[in-house]
N, C-alpha and C. Protein backbone atom coordinates (compact mmCIF):
# COMPACT_ATOMS: atom_id res chain seq x y z
N MET A 1 -1.40 187.41 11.19
CA MET A 1 -1.39 186.02 11.65
C MET A 1 -2.57 185.68 12.35
N HIS A 2 -3.09 184.62 12.11
CA HIS A 2 -4.31 184.28 12.74
C HIS A 2 -3.89 183.10 13.94
N GLU A 3 -4.38 183.56 15.18
CA GLU A 3 -4.02 182.70 16.31
C GLU A 3 -5.06 181.57 16.50
N VAL A 4 -4.62 180.28 16.67
CA VAL A 4 -5.33 179.23 16.81
C VAL A 4 -5.53 178.95 18.35
N ARG A 5 -6.77 178.98 18.86
CA ARG A 5 -6.98 178.74 20.31
C ARG A 5 -7.70 177.36 20.43
N PRO A 6 -7.09 176.58 21.40
CA PRO A 6 -7.85 175.29 21.52
C PRO A 6 -9.29 175.46 22.14
N GLU A 7 -10.13 174.61 21.63
CA GLU A 7 -11.65 174.60 22.13
C GLU A 7 -11.71 174.21 23.52
N ALA A 8 -12.39 174.81 24.33
CA ALA A 8 -12.71 174.41 25.65
C ALA A 8 -13.55 173.10 25.60
N PRO A 9 -13.23 172.21 26.39
CA PRO A 9 -14.02 170.96 26.53
C PRO A 9 -15.41 171.29 27.00
N SER A 10 -16.40 170.53 26.51
CA SER A 10 -17.77 170.73 27.02
C SER A 10 -18.03 170.21 28.31
N PRO A 11 -18.79 170.80 29.22
CA PRO A 11 -19.05 170.19 30.55
C PRO A 11 -19.42 168.72 30.60
N SER A 12 -20.21 168.38 29.47
CA SER A 12 -20.64 166.86 29.50
C SER A 12 -19.54 166.01 29.31
N ALA A 13 -18.56 166.42 28.50
CA ALA A 13 -17.35 165.67 28.37
C ALA A 13 -16.53 165.62 29.44
N ASP A 14 -16.41 166.60 30.28
CA ASP A 14 -15.63 166.54 31.58
C ASP A 14 -16.27 165.68 32.48
N LEU A 15 -17.62 165.70 32.59
CA LEU A 15 -18.37 164.88 33.44
C LEU A 15 -18.29 163.33 33.11
N ARG A 16 -18.28 163.08 31.75
CA ARG A 16 -18.07 161.65 31.46
C ARG A 16 -16.64 161.23 31.77
N THR A 17 -15.73 162.03 31.62
CA THR A 17 -14.34 161.70 31.92
C THR A 17 -14.23 161.39 33.39
N HIS A 18 -14.79 162.31 34.16
CA HIS A 18 -14.78 162.16 35.68
C HIS A 18 -15.60 160.81 36.11
N GLU A 19 -16.61 160.44 35.44
CA GLU A 19 -17.31 159.17 35.82
C GLU A 19 -16.53 158.01 35.35
N ARG A 20 -15.84 158.14 34.21
CA ARG A 20 -14.93 156.95 33.83
C ARG A 20 -13.76 156.75 34.76
N ARG A 21 -13.33 157.82 35.25
CA ARG A 21 -12.20 157.76 36.19
C ARG A 21 -12.64 157.09 37.56
N ILE A 22 -13.80 157.46 37.99
CA ILE A 22 -14.37 157.01 39.24
C ILE A 22 -14.66 155.35 39.08
N ARG A 23 -15.16 155.07 37.85
CA ARG A 23 -15.52 153.58 37.61
C ARG A 23 -14.14 152.90 37.55
N GLU A 24 -13.10 153.35 36.92
CA GLU A 24 -11.80 152.72 36.89
C GLU A 24 -11.14 152.58 38.26
N ARG A 25 -11.25 153.54 39.12
CA ARG A 25 -10.75 153.45 40.38
C ARG A 25 -11.40 152.33 41.21
N ARG A 26 -12.59 152.22 41.18
CA ARG A 26 -13.41 151.19 41.81
C ARG A 26 -13.13 149.76 41.45
N MET A 27 -12.90 149.66 40.14
CA MET A 27 -12.60 148.33 39.50
C MET A 27 -11.35 147.71 39.82
N ILE A 28 -10.32 148.55 39.90
CA ILE A 28 -8.85 148.12 40.12
C ILE A 28 -8.41 148.61 41.58
N PRO A 29 -8.31 147.55 42.40
CA PRO A 29 -7.84 147.83 43.69
C PRO A 29 -6.42 148.29 43.84
N GLN A 30 -6.14 149.38 44.32
CA GLN A 30 -4.63 149.77 44.31
C GLN A 30 -3.76 148.88 45.14
N GLU A 31 -4.14 148.48 46.28
CA GLU A 31 -3.38 147.62 47.15
C GLU A 31 -4.28 146.40 47.61
N PRO A 32 -3.99 145.16 47.18
CA PRO A 32 -4.93 143.96 47.59
C PRO A 32 -4.90 143.68 49.02
N GLU A 33 -3.72 143.98 49.64
CA GLU A 33 -3.73 143.73 51.24
C GLU A 33 -4.74 144.70 51.86
N LEU A 34 -4.76 146.05 51.35
CA LEU A 34 -5.66 147.02 51.86
C LEU A 34 -7.12 146.59 51.70
N ALA A 35 -7.46 146.23 50.51
CA ALA A 35 -8.74 145.65 49.99
C ALA A 35 -9.30 144.64 51.02
N LEU A 36 -8.45 143.66 51.37
CA LEU A 36 -8.75 142.67 52.35
C LEU A 36 -9.15 143.07 53.57
N LEU A 37 -8.68 144.20 54.04
CA LEU A 37 -9.03 144.88 55.35
C LEU A 37 -10.48 145.21 55.46
N PHE A 38 -10.99 145.61 54.20
CA PHE A 38 -12.43 146.08 54.17
C PHE A 38 -13.42 145.18 53.74
N GLU A 39 -12.98 143.81 53.65
CA GLU A 39 -13.89 142.73 53.43
C GLU A 39 -14.78 142.41 54.54
N PRO A 40 -15.98 142.09 54.33
CA PRO A 40 -16.96 141.87 55.42
C PRO A 40 -16.53 140.45 56.06
N LEU A 41 -16.74 140.49 57.39
CA LEU A 41 -16.59 139.05 58.03
C LEU A 41 -17.73 138.20 57.73
N HIS A 42 -17.43 136.95 57.67
CA HIS A 42 -18.39 135.94 57.54
C HIS A 42 -19.01 135.59 58.81
N LYS A 43 -20.30 136.02 59.12
CA LYS A 43 -20.95 135.83 60.47
C LYS A 43 -21.07 134.45 60.90
N ARG A 44 -21.34 133.45 60.07
CA ARG A 44 -21.47 132.08 60.46
C ARG A 44 -20.11 131.49 60.79
N ALA A 45 -19.13 131.83 60.02
CA ALA A 45 -17.79 131.24 60.35
C ALA A 45 -17.24 131.77 61.63
N LEU A 46 -17.48 133.07 61.86
CA LEU A 46 -16.92 133.61 63.18
C LEU A 46 -17.67 133.08 64.34
N GLY A 47 -19.06 132.89 64.25
CA GLY A 47 -19.76 132.37 65.17
C GLY A 47 -19.34 130.95 65.56
N LEU A 48 -19.03 130.21 64.53
CA LEU A 48 -18.70 128.79 64.78
C LEU A 48 -17.39 128.74 65.34
N GLY A 49 -16.39 129.57 64.95
CA GLY A 49 -14.99 129.64 65.54
C GLY A 49 -15.17 129.93 67.08
N VAL A 50 -15.84 131.05 67.38
CA VAL A 50 -15.99 131.46 68.80
C VAL A 50 -16.71 130.56 69.54
N GLY A 51 -17.75 129.92 69.02
CA GLY A 51 -18.59 128.88 69.65
C GLY A 51 -17.68 127.63 69.98
N PHE A 52 -16.91 127.18 68.97
CA PHE A 52 -16.16 126.02 69.21
C PHE A 52 -15.13 126.25 70.20
N ALA A 53 -14.49 127.41 70.21
CA ALA A 53 -13.71 127.74 71.17
C ALA A 53 -14.06 127.88 72.61
N ALA A 54 -15.14 128.38 72.79
CA ALA A 54 -15.83 128.63 74.01
C ALA A 54 -16.26 127.25 74.58
N ALA A 55 -16.83 126.38 73.74
CA ALA A 55 -17.24 125.10 74.21
C ALA A 55 -16.00 124.34 74.76
N LEU A 56 -14.85 124.34 73.91
CA LEU A 56 -13.68 123.65 74.38
C LEU A 56 -13.10 124.09 75.68
N VAL A 57 -13.08 125.42 75.81
CA VAL A 57 -12.62 126.12 77.21
C VAL A 57 -13.59 125.62 78.33
N MET A 58 -14.80 125.77 78.10
CA MET A 58 -15.89 125.35 79.22
C MET A 58 -15.68 123.85 79.48
N PHE A 59 -15.51 122.98 78.49
CA PHE A 59 -15.26 121.56 78.87
C PHE A 59 -13.91 121.29 79.64
N LEU A 60 -12.89 122.05 79.11
CA LEU A 60 -11.67 121.83 79.83
C LEU A 60 -11.71 122.46 81.22
N VAL A 61 -12.31 123.61 81.35
CA VAL A 61 -12.35 124.12 82.73
C VAL A 61 -13.05 123.44 83.76
N THR A 62 -13.99 122.43 83.24
CA THR A 62 -14.69 121.54 84.15
C THR A 62 -14.00 120.17 84.18
N ALA A 63 -13.45 119.69 83.00
CA ALA A 63 -12.90 118.36 83.03
C ALA A 63 -11.45 118.22 83.79
N VAL A 64 -10.59 119.34 83.67
CA VAL A 64 -9.34 119.39 84.31
C VAL A 64 -9.47 119.16 85.81
N PRO A 65 -10.17 120.01 86.58
CA PRO A 65 -10.42 119.76 88.03
C PRO A 65 -11.03 118.36 88.30
N LEU A 66 -12.03 117.89 87.36
CA LEU A 66 -12.58 116.63 87.75
C LEU A 66 -11.41 115.50 87.58
N ALA A 67 -10.57 115.62 86.64
CA ALA A 67 -9.65 114.58 86.32
C ALA A 67 -8.37 114.55 87.51
N THR A 68 -8.17 115.92 87.97
CA THR A 68 -7.11 115.94 88.94
C THR A 68 -7.66 115.81 90.45
N GLY A 69 -8.92 115.88 90.57
CA GLY A 69 -9.43 115.61 91.82
C GLY A 69 -9.58 116.93 92.66
N THR A 70 -9.50 118.08 92.03
CA THR A 70 -9.50 119.35 92.68
C THR A 70 -10.79 120.17 92.21
N ALA A 71 -11.92 119.48 92.22
CA ALA A 71 -13.11 120.07 91.72
C ALA A 71 -13.57 121.12 92.76
N ASP A 72 -13.31 120.93 93.92
CA ASP A 72 -13.73 121.84 94.96
C ASP A 72 -12.85 123.11 95.22
N ALA A 73 -11.86 123.15 94.52
CA ALA A 73 -10.93 124.34 94.44
C ALA A 73 -11.35 125.50 93.98
N LEU A 74 -12.14 125.36 92.79
CA LEU A 74 -12.78 126.61 92.14
C LEU A 74 -14.31 126.45 92.31
N PRO A 75 -14.87 127.79 92.43
CA PRO A 75 -16.41 127.66 92.66
C PRO A 75 -17.12 127.54 91.27
N LEU A 76 -16.90 126.34 90.64
CA LEU A 76 -17.51 126.09 89.32
C LEU A 76 -18.93 126.00 89.37
N TYR A 77 -19.44 125.52 90.52
CA TYR A 77 -20.91 125.32 90.59
C TYR A 77 -21.71 126.69 90.35
N LEU A 78 -21.02 127.77 90.37
CA LEU A 78 -21.65 129.14 90.03
C LEU A 78 -22.00 129.17 88.65
N VAL A 79 -21.34 128.38 87.76
CA VAL A 79 -21.68 128.45 86.30
C VAL A 79 -23.11 127.99 86.20
N ALA A 80 -23.55 127.19 86.90
CA ALA A 80 -24.97 126.68 86.95
C ALA A 80 -26.01 127.80 86.92
N GLN A 81 -25.59 128.95 87.48
CA GLN A 81 -26.46 130.09 87.51
C GLN A 81 -26.76 130.73 86.05
N TYR A 82 -25.79 130.39 85.19
CA TYR A 82 -25.88 131.04 83.85
C TYR A 82 -26.40 129.88 82.85
N PHE A 83 -25.78 128.59 83.04
CA PHE A 83 -25.96 127.65 82.18
C PHE A 83 -27.06 126.51 82.71
N ASN A 84 -28.16 126.46 82.33
CA ASN A 84 -29.19 125.46 82.92
C ASN A 84 -28.68 124.06 82.67
N GLY A 85 -28.68 123.28 83.81
CA GLY A 85 -28.31 121.82 83.67
C GLY A 85 -26.96 121.56 84.08
N TYR A 86 -26.06 122.65 84.13
CA TYR A 86 -24.59 122.42 84.36
C TYR A 86 -24.34 122.02 85.88
N SER A 87 -23.50 121.13 85.95
CA SER A 87 -22.97 120.71 87.29
C SER A 87 -21.41 120.34 87.17
N VAL A 88 -20.81 120.25 88.33
CA VAL A 88 -19.35 119.84 88.24
C VAL A 88 -19.25 118.45 88.14
N THR A 89 -19.69 117.87 86.98
CA THR A 89 -19.64 116.29 86.80
C THR A 89 -19.19 116.31 85.23
N TRP A 90 -18.90 114.96 84.82
CA TRP A 90 -18.68 114.77 83.45
C TRP A 90 -19.74 115.08 82.55
N THR A 91 -21.07 114.80 83.05
CA THR A 91 -22.14 115.12 82.18
C THR A 91 -22.40 116.66 82.31
N GLY A 92 -22.21 117.24 83.39
CA GLY A 92 -22.18 118.75 83.45
C GLY A 92 -21.08 119.39 82.49
N ALA A 93 -20.02 118.86 82.13
CA ALA A 93 -18.95 119.28 81.50
C ALA A 93 -19.56 119.33 79.95
N LEU A 94 -20.25 118.45 79.67
CA LEU A 94 -20.84 118.35 78.31
C LEU A 94 -21.95 119.25 78.08
N VAL A 95 -22.74 119.44 79.15
CA VAL A 95 -23.85 120.40 79.16
C VAL A 95 -23.29 121.74 79.05
N GLY A 96 -22.31 122.10 79.88
CA GLY A 96 -21.64 123.47 79.87
C GLY A 96 -21.10 123.63 78.52
N ALA A 97 -20.41 122.72 77.92
CA ALA A 97 -19.72 122.85 76.73
C ALA A 97 -20.84 123.29 75.69
N ALA A 98 -21.99 122.51 75.56
CA ALA A 98 -23.11 122.78 74.79
C ALA A 98 -23.65 124.25 74.94
N TRP A 99 -23.81 124.71 76.10
CA TRP A 99 -24.16 125.92 76.36
C TRP A 99 -23.14 127.10 75.92
N ALA A 100 -21.98 126.74 76.33
CA ALA A 100 -20.89 127.66 75.98
C ALA A 100 -20.78 127.87 74.46
N GLY A 101 -20.94 126.73 73.74
CA GLY A 101 -20.88 126.61 72.27
C GLY A 101 -22.01 127.55 71.71
N PHE A 102 -23.07 127.35 72.12
CA PHE A 102 -24.36 128.28 71.84
C PHE A 102 -24.05 129.69 72.01
N VAL A 103 -23.72 130.05 73.33
CA VAL A 103 -23.50 131.45 73.62
C VAL A 103 -22.26 132.06 72.83
N GLY A 104 -21.21 131.17 72.49
CA GLY A 104 -20.08 131.72 71.83
C GLY A 104 -20.51 131.90 70.35
N PHE A 105 -21.46 131.09 69.78
CA PHE A 105 -21.74 131.32 68.51
C PHE A 105 -22.58 132.48 68.27
N VAL A 106 -23.50 132.84 69.20
CA VAL A 106 -24.37 134.02 69.17
C VAL A 106 -23.48 135.20 69.36
N ALA A 107 -22.44 135.18 70.20
CA ALA A 107 -21.64 136.26 70.33
C ALA A 107 -20.67 136.47 69.22
N GLY A 108 -20.06 135.47 68.72
CA GLY A 108 -19.23 135.60 67.34
C GLY A 108 -20.03 136.21 66.21
N TRP A 109 -21.37 135.66 66.03
CA TRP A 109 -22.17 136.12 64.91
C TRP A 109 -22.45 137.63 65.10
N PHE A 110 -22.80 138.00 66.36
CA PHE A 110 -23.24 139.36 66.61
C PHE A 110 -22.05 140.27 66.39
N VAL A 111 -20.80 139.96 66.84
CA VAL A 111 -19.61 140.77 66.66
C VAL A 111 -19.43 140.98 65.25
N ALA A 112 -19.42 139.90 64.37
CA ALA A 112 -19.33 140.05 62.96
C ALA A 112 -20.42 141.00 62.33
N PHE A 113 -21.61 140.77 62.65
CA PHE A 113 -22.69 141.59 62.32
C PHE A 113 -22.41 143.09 62.52
N CYS A 114 -22.05 143.46 63.77
CA CYS A 114 -21.79 144.75 64.20
C CYS A 114 -20.56 145.39 63.43
N ARG A 115 -19.49 144.49 63.31
CA ARG A 115 -18.33 145.06 62.67
C ARG A 115 -18.74 145.31 61.13
N ASN A 116 -19.38 144.37 60.51
CA ASN A 116 -19.80 144.73 59.21
C ASN A 116 -20.72 145.85 58.89
N ALA A 117 -21.64 146.08 59.89
CA ALA A 117 -22.49 147.31 59.81
C ALA A 117 -21.76 148.58 59.91
N VAL A 118 -20.91 148.55 60.96
CA VAL A 118 -20.19 149.79 61.20
C VAL A 118 -19.18 150.09 60.06
N LEU A 119 -18.67 149.07 59.55
CA LEU A 119 -17.60 149.31 58.33
C LEU A 119 -18.48 149.72 57.14
N GLY A 120 -19.59 149.21 56.94
CA GLY A 120 -20.48 149.57 55.88
C GLY A 120 -20.96 150.91 55.86
N VAL A 121 -21.42 151.38 57.01
CA VAL A 121 -21.84 152.76 57.24
C VAL A 121 -20.48 153.62 57.03
N ARG A 122 -19.35 153.33 57.57
CA ARG A 122 -18.20 154.04 57.45
C ARG A 122 -17.66 154.30 56.01
N LEU A 123 -17.86 153.20 55.24
CA LEU A 123 -17.33 153.26 53.77
C LEU A 123 -18.37 154.16 53.11
N VAL A 124 -19.64 153.98 53.34
CA VAL A 124 -20.66 154.97 52.60
C VAL A 124 -20.40 156.42 52.99
N VAL A 125 -20.03 156.69 54.26
CA VAL A 125 -19.80 158.00 54.52
C VAL A 125 -18.45 158.48 53.83
N LEU A 126 -17.53 157.72 53.90
CA LEU A 126 -16.25 158.06 53.15
C LEU A 126 -16.35 158.26 51.64
N ARG A 127 -17.08 157.37 51.16
CA ARG A 127 -17.33 157.51 49.66
C ARG A 127 -18.08 158.80 49.38
N ALA A 128 -19.17 159.00 50.15
CA ALA A 128 -19.97 160.23 49.89
C ALA A 128 -19.08 161.58 50.09
N ARG A 129 -18.19 161.54 51.20
CA ARG A 129 -17.29 162.72 51.28
C ARG A 129 -16.37 162.91 50.06
N ALA A 130 -15.73 161.78 49.59
CA ALA A 130 -14.74 161.83 48.52
C ALA A 130 -15.47 162.33 47.30
N GLU A 131 -16.69 161.85 47.07
CA GLU A 131 -17.49 162.25 45.71
C GLU A 131 -17.84 163.71 45.95
N TYR A 132 -18.27 164.10 47.13
CA TYR A 132 -18.48 165.60 47.37
C TYR A 132 -17.27 166.39 47.07
N LEU A 133 -16.23 166.01 47.71
CA LEU A 133 -14.95 166.79 47.53
C LEU A 133 -14.58 166.93 46.00
N GLN A 134 -14.84 165.91 45.17
CA GLN A 134 -14.40 165.84 43.84
C GLN A 134 -15.44 166.64 42.99
N THR A 135 -16.54 166.83 43.50
CA THR A 135 -17.61 167.52 42.56
C THR A 135 -18.08 168.92 43.21
N ARG A 136 -17.48 169.31 44.37
CA ARG A 136 -18.04 170.57 44.90
C ARG A 136 -17.79 171.80 44.02
N ASP A 137 -16.68 171.79 43.27
CA ASP A 137 -16.57 172.87 42.35
C ASP A 137 -17.20 172.69 41.01
N PHE A 138 -18.15 171.84 40.84
CA PHE A 138 -18.67 171.48 39.63
C PHE A 138 -19.34 172.63 38.84
N LEU A 139 -19.99 173.49 39.69
CA LEU A 139 -20.71 174.64 39.17
C LEU A 139 -19.74 175.82 38.73
N ASP A 140 -18.57 175.85 39.22
CA ASP A 140 -17.56 176.70 38.77
C ASP A 140 -17.10 176.58 37.29
N HIS A 141 -17.32 175.43 36.84
CA HIS A 141 -16.84 175.08 35.45
C HIS A 141 -18.06 175.11 34.36
N ILE A 142 -19.14 175.71 34.83
CA ILE A 142 -20.22 175.77 33.91
C ILE A 142 -20.21 177.28 33.33
């Protein structure tokens, strides 16, 4: 009797199959909720959101004591050390809101930029490790 042995797959066929599997895995996200976690933040949107919130808070922090007549209760005049043109007046509330909006925008933009950069580097490192772990025994099959 003659025994039929299956042919061993060629290394190039194994490599093509491996590359196809990697491409398929990248194209179809396993869990959409998890994929949203790794989406980059929109820098301008976060900057505008933080800037608007900071401007609103600064305006209210100045306007509420002015409206209630307790402007001397808090040392709000110290804000002028940071925001040029600020004073504990209605005009100063608008000037402070403008400065706080600008500072808030820059802070929000920078936070989004840093988060995107750290996440990008982290994903590159994780992907490189995963590909290394999948191919580290490649020479054993030659």
